[in-house]
Amino acid sequence: MKILKNRVFGFWDGLFYSLLIWSVVCIFTTLFAVLDIFVIFPISLIFDRGTGWKIHQTSIIWSRAIIRGSGIWRMVVKGREHLQKGKRYIVVANHQSLIDILVACAALPIHFKFLAKRELFFIPFMGWAMALAGYIPVDRASHKSGRSAMQRISAVLKKGISVLLFPEGTRSPDGKIHAFKMGAFKLAKDNGVEILPVVMDGTGQALPKKSWLIKHKSTFVVSIGKPVSLADLGDSSLEEMKEKIRHEMIGRLEKIRHHE
């Protein structure tokens, strides 16, 4: 599929599209959250046994509806053949923008949970729906909260559900893939789960760090890599594999940008 070249907006066009898209996001988020709370969640209790799969399916539809409804965003997904139905993964992805979760939900047709700032769960409707879906709150300033989040991730994996983590820990200021923290890889090794390396591009240009202004007509490219097993690796080998995965993701990101 041909990747469309990103178009830069002037200030007034950017302001117009920003107001339009954030209005779409607010409307769709409220509608889907109400649907989750009053319809999908009761159904999920009966058929999902508390896993929240049907609520996450609603998240997939929500995210795709926003991208398609924006009028200025497109999405291209490569590597879906690497996903095995019914298999759990720790998905590690590069982090460029606030909308990375939106794009990940739209691109990955698997059941996963993700970490989110604790404050988001107090937002009416949206936060309540996130809690019912089983997404995991974390206070990054609290070590206790971090440990609790790691325990919840292990519990999620034991249920056969995947987890999405951003091993850089924060959004990249320049679009490059920076150093990875070890947490995701230790979790994968300790729980016998394969790493699924996912590279995303275009989100950082569409909504840069520390900005709410939509500055580009953008194509989001999501490249799903081959799963990597970390079984039987020692600590030093785990560090080497972490760096190997990171460099492979850097190479894929460069190929995406070269093609674009």
Protein backbone atom coordinates (compact mmCIF):
# COMPACT_ATOMS: atom_id res chain seq x y z
CA MET A 1 0.00 0.00 0.00
CA LYS A 2 1.34 3.41 -0.91
CA ILE A 3 2.11 5.64 2.06
CA LEU A 4 0.84 9.17 1.60
CA LYS A 5 3.26 11.98 2.21
CA ASN A 6 2.48 14.01 5.33
CA ARG A 7 1.19 17.50 4.65
CA VAL A 8 2.11 20.37 6.98
CA PHE A 9 -0.71 22.72 8.00
CA GLY A 10 -0.48 26.45 8.46
CA PHE A 11 -1.47 27.85 11.86
CA TRP A 12 -5.14 28.50 11.06
CA ASP A 13 -5.60 25.17 9.25
CA GLY A 14 -3.91 23.44 12.18
CA LEU A 15 -6.17 25.21 14.66
CA PHE A 16 -9.27 24.31 12.64
CA TYR A 17 -8.36 20.63 12.35
CA SER A 18 -7.30 20.50 16.00
CA LEU A 19 -10.69 21.78 17.15
CA LEU A 20 -12.43 19.42 14.73
CA ILE A 21 -10.50 16.32 15.74
CA TRP A 22 -10.64 16.95 19.49
CA SER A 23 -14.39 17.48 19.16
CA VAL A 24 -14.66 14.15 17.33
CA VAL A 25 -12.52 12.49 20.01
CA CYS A 26 -14.66 13.88 22.85
CA ILE A 27 -17.95 12.91 21.19
CA PHE A 28 -16.85 9.39 20.19
CA THR A 29 -15.16 8.78 23.54
CA THR A 30 -18.26 9.76 25.51
CA LEU A 31 -20.59 7.70 23.30
CA PHE A 32 -18.42 4.58 23.41
CA ALA A 33 -17.77 4.96 27.15
CA VAL A 34 -21.51 5.12 27.88
CA LEU A 35 -21.98 2.06 25.67
CA ASP A 36 -19.21 0.25 27.58
CA ILE A 37 -20.57 1.10 31.01
CA PHE A 38 -24.25 0.35 30.47
CA VAL A 39 -24.26 -2.31 27.73
CA ILE A 40 -20.91 -3.96 27.00
CA PHE A 41 -19.71 -4.34 30.60
CA PRO A 42 -22.80 -6.33 31.76
CA ILE A 43 -22.47 -8.55 28.67
CA SER A 44 -18.74 -8.94 29.37
CA LEU A 45 -19.44 -10.17 32.92
CA ILE A 46 -21.52 -12.99 31.45
CA PHE A 47 -19.43 -14.04 28.46
CA ASP A 48 -15.86 -12.82 29.16
CA ARG A 49 -15.50 -14.07 32.75
CA GLY A 50 -14.14 -10.69 33.81
CA THR A 51 -11.38 -10.45 31.17
CA GLY A 52 -12.84 -7.31 29.56
CA TRP A 53 -12.33 -8.61 26.01
CA LYS A 54 -15.61 -7.23 24.71
CA ILE A 55 -14.84 -3.80 26.17
CA HIS A 56 -11.44 -3.89 24.48
CA GLN A 57 -13.17 -4.79 21.22
CA THR A 58 -15.16 -1.59 21.69
CA SER A 59 -11.84 0.24 22.15
CA ILE A 60 -10.68 -1.13 18.80
CA ILE A 61 -13.85 0.11 17.08
CA TRP A 62 -13.57 3.47 18.90
CA SER A 63 -9.99 4.04 17.79
CA ARG A 64 -10.65 3.07 14.17
CA ALA A 65 -13.74 5.31 14.09
CA ILE A 66 -11.70 8.32 15.26
CA ILE A 67 -8.94 7.73 12.68
CA ARG A 68 -11.40 7.27 9.83
CA GLY A 69 -13.63 10.10 11.03
CA SER A 70 -10.78 12.59 11.32
CA GLY A 71 -10.60 13.19 7.59
CA ILE A 72 -6.85 13.84 7.79
CA TRP A 73 -5.45 10.60 9.25
CA ARG A 74 -4.81 7.25 7.58
CA MET A 75 -3.29 4.07 8.92
CA VAL A 76 -1.15 1.41 7.26
CA VAL A 77 -0.42 -1.83 9.15
CA LYS A 78 2.31 -4.26 8.16
CA GLY A 79 3.20 -7.65 9.66
CA ARG A 80 -0.19 -8.84 10.91
CA GLU A 81 0.85 -12.31 9.72
CA HIS A 82 3.21 -12.44 12.72
CA LEU A 83 0.28 -12.55 15.13
CA GLN A 84 -0.90 -15.96 16.26
CA LYS A 85 -4.55 -16.20 17.23
CA GLY A 86 -5.11 -16.86 20.93
CA LYS A 87 -1.48 -16.25 21.87
CA ARG A 88 -0.42 -13.75 24.55
CA TYR A 89 2.46 -11.32 24.09
CA ILE A 90 4.24 -8.48 25.78
CA VAL A 91 3.98 -5.88 23.05
CA VAL A 92 6.85 -3.39 23.15
CA ALA A 93 6.42 -0.26 21.04
CA ASN A 94 8.26 2.98 20.48
CA HIS A 95 6.56 6.04 21.97
CA GLN A 96 6.19 9.31 20.05
CA SER A 97 2.84 10.81 20.97
CA LEU A 98 -0.26 10.85 23.16
CA ILE A 99 -2.14 9.16 20.31
CA ASP A 100 0.10 6.08 20.26
CA ILE A 101 -2.44 4.12 22.34
CA LEU A 102 -5.21 5.14 19.93
CA VAL A 103 -3.17 3.91 16.96
CA ALA A 104 -2.10 0.70 18.74
CA CYS A 105 -5.72 -0.15 19.56
CA ALA A 106 -6.72 0.44 15.94
CA ALA A 107 -3.82 -1.55 14.48
CA LEU A 108 -3.53 -4.61 16.74
CA PRO A 109 -6.45 -7.07 16.52
CA ILE A 110 -5.53 -8.73 19.82
CA HIS A 111 -6.72 -8.41 23.40
CA PHE A 112 -4.22 -6.37 25.39
CA LYS A 113 -4.06 -4.16 28.46
CA PHE A 114 -1.87 -1.09 28.81
CA LEU A 115 -0.55 1.19 31.53
CA ALA A 116 -2.06 4.68 31.81
CA LYS A 117 -1.65 7.62 34.14
CA ARG A 118 -3.72 7.17 37.29
CA GLU A 119 -5.36 10.59 36.80
CA LEU A 120 -7.03 9.47 33.54
CA PHE A 121 -9.15 6.95 35.42
CA PHE A 122 -10.93 9.77 37.29
CA ILE A 123 -12.21 11.40 34.07
CA PRO A 124 -15.99 10.89 33.90
CA PHE A 125 -17.11 8.15 31.52
CA MET A 126 -13.75 7.67 29.75
CA GLY A 127 -11.86 6.82 32.96
CA TRP A 128 -14.68 4.66 34.22
CA ALA A 129 -14.72 2.68 30.96
CA MET A 130 -10.93 2.28 31.14
CA ALA A 131 -11.25 0.83 34.64
CA LEU A 132 -13.98 -1.59 33.55
CA ALA A 133 -11.81 -2.70 30.61
CA GLY A 134 -9.05 -3.65 33.05
CA TYR A 135 -6.47 -1.17 31.84
CA ILE A 136 -3.84 -0.58 34.48
CA PRO A 137 -3.43 2.73 36.36
CA VAL A 138 0.02 3.81 37.48
CA ASP A 139 1.47 6.76 39.35
CA ARG A 140 4.94 7.17 37.88
CA ALA A 141 6.09 9.15 40.91
CA SER A 142 5.29 6.26 43.25
CA HIS A 143 7.48 3.16 43.49
CA LYS A 144 4.65 1.37 45.30
CA SER A 145 2.29 2.10 42.40
CA GLY A 146 4.92 0.82 39.97
CA ARG A 147 5.31 -2.45 41.86
CA SER A 148 1.55 -2.85 42.01
CA ALA A 149 1.31 -2.29 38.25
CA MET A 150 3.94 -4.99 37.62
CA GLN A 151 1.95 -7.43 39.77
CA ARG A 152 -1.22 -6.62 37.84
CA ILE A 153 0.62 -7.17 34.55
CA SER A 154 1.71 -10.63 35.71
CA ALA A 155 -1.89 -11.40 36.70
CA VAL A 156 -3.12 -10.26 33.27
CA LEU A 157 -0.57 -12.45 31.48
CA LYS A 158 -1.64 -15.47 33.55
CA LYS A 159 -5.16 -15.00 32.16
CA GLY A 160 -3.77 -15.34 28.63
CA ILE A 161 -4.10 -11.63 27.83
CA SER A 162 -1.37 -9.55 26.18
CA VAL A 163 0.12 -6.34 27.59
CA LEU A 164 1.35 -3.27 25.69
CA LEU A 165 4.34 -1.44 27.18
CA PHE A 166 6.51 1.47 26.04
CA PRO A 167 10.03 0.46 27.15
CA GLU A 168 11.42 3.96 26.57
CA GLY A 169 9.28 5.02 29.54
CA THR A 170 8.26 8.36 28.05
CA ARG A 171 7.55 9.98 24.70
CA SER A 172 10.52 10.56 22.43
CA PRO A 173 11.31 14.28 22.04
CA ASP A 174 12.80 13.83 18.57
CA GLY A 175 11.03 10.81 17.06
CA LYS A 176 14.05 8.53 17.51
CA ILE A 177 13.95 5.31 19.51
CA HIS A 178 15.86 5.92 22.73
CA ALA A 179 17.19 3.56 25.43
CA PHE A 180 14.88 0.80 26.66
CA LYS A 181 14.24 0.02 30.30
CA MET A 182 14.51 -3.60 31.36
CA GLY A 183 11.06 -4.05 32.96
CA ALA A 184 9.14 -5.36 29.93
CA PHE A 185 11.85 -7.88 29.11
CA LYS A 186 12.12 -9.22 32.67
CA LEU A 187 8.35 -9.61 32.74
CA ALA A 188 8.44 -11.52 29.47
CA LYS A 189 11.19 -13.85 30.71
CA ASP A 190 9.64 -14.43 34.16
CA ASN A 191 6.20 -15.17 32.71
CA GLY A 192 7.33 -17.21 29.70
CA VAL A 193 5.83 -14.74 27.22
CA GLU A 194 7.26 -13.73 23.87
CA ILE A 195 8.12 -10.11 23.08
CA LEU A 196 6.18 -8.66 20.13
CA PRO A 197 8.19 -5.67 18.82
CA VAL A 198 5.96 -3.03 17.22
CA VAL A 199 7.21 0.10 15.48
CA MET A 200 4.92 3.09 14.96
CA ASP A 201 5.61 6.20 12.92
CA GLY A 202 3.66 9.33 12.02
CA THR A 203 2.08 9.92 15.42
CA GLY A 204 4.87 12.20 16.62
CA GLN A 205 4.43 14.47 13.61
CA ALA A 206 0.65 14.49 13.91
CA LEU A 207 0.70 15.43 17.59
CA PRO A 208 4.18 16.32 18.91
CA LYS A 209 5.17 16.04 22.55
CA LYS A 210 3.98 18.99 24.68
CA SER A 211 1.48 20.09 22.03
CA TRP A 212 -2.27 19.73 21.51
CA LEU A 213 -2.19 21.30 18.03
CA ILE A 214 -2.65 18.97 15.05
CA LYS A 215 0.11 20.04 12.68
CA HIS A 216 0.04 17.48 9.88
CA LYS A 217 -2.18 15.49 7.58
CA SER A 218 -0.66 12.16 8.52
CA THR A 219 -0.37 8.50 7.69
CA PHE A 220 0.31 6.30 10.70
CA VAL A 221 2.48 3.33 9.83
CA VAL A 222 2.45 0.37 12.22
CA SER A 223 4.99 -2.40 11.62
CA ILE A 224 4.50 -5.61 13.62
CA GLY A 225 7.74 -7.57 13.98
CA LYS A 226 8.33 -11.26 14.54
CA PRO A 227 7.78 -12.43 18.15
CA VAL A 228 10.96 -13.04 20.14
CA SER A 229 11.33 -15.69 22.84
CA LEU A 230 13.39 -14.82 25.93
CA ALA A 231 13.20 -18.27 27.51
CA ASP A 232 16.36 -19.62 29.18
CA LEU A 233 18.25 -16.32 28.94
CA GLY A 234 20.49 -15.18 31.80
CA ASP A 235 20.62 -11.55 32.95
CA SER A 236 23.55 -10.65 30.67
CA SER A 237 21.95 -12.40 27.70
CA LEU A 238 18.66 -10.65 28.46
CA GLU A 239 20.41 -7.29 28.29
CA GLU A 240 21.93 -8.26 24.94
CA MET A 241 18.55 -9.39 23.59
CA LYS A 242 16.93 -6.15 24.76
CA GLU A 243 19.49 -4.17 22.76
CA LYS A 244 19.15 -6.51 19.78
CA ILE A 245 15.38 -5.95 19.73
CA ARG A 246 15.83 -2.19 20.07
CA HIS A 247 18.29 -2.02 17.18
CA GLU A 248 16.01 -4.14 15.01
CA MET A 249 13.18 -1.71 15.75
CA ILE A 250 15.42 1.26 14.93
CA GLY A 251 16.24 -0.38 11.59
CA ARG A 252 12.55 -0.89 10.79
CA LEU A 253 11.76 2.71 11.71
CA GLU A 254 14.49 3.93 9.35
CA LYS A 255 13.09 1.74 6.54
CA ILE A 256 9.60 3.14 7.10
CA ARG A 257 10.89 6.70 6.88
CA HIS A 258 13.05 5.95 3.86
CA HIS A 259 10.05 4.44 2.05
CA GLU A 260 7.86 7.38 3.06
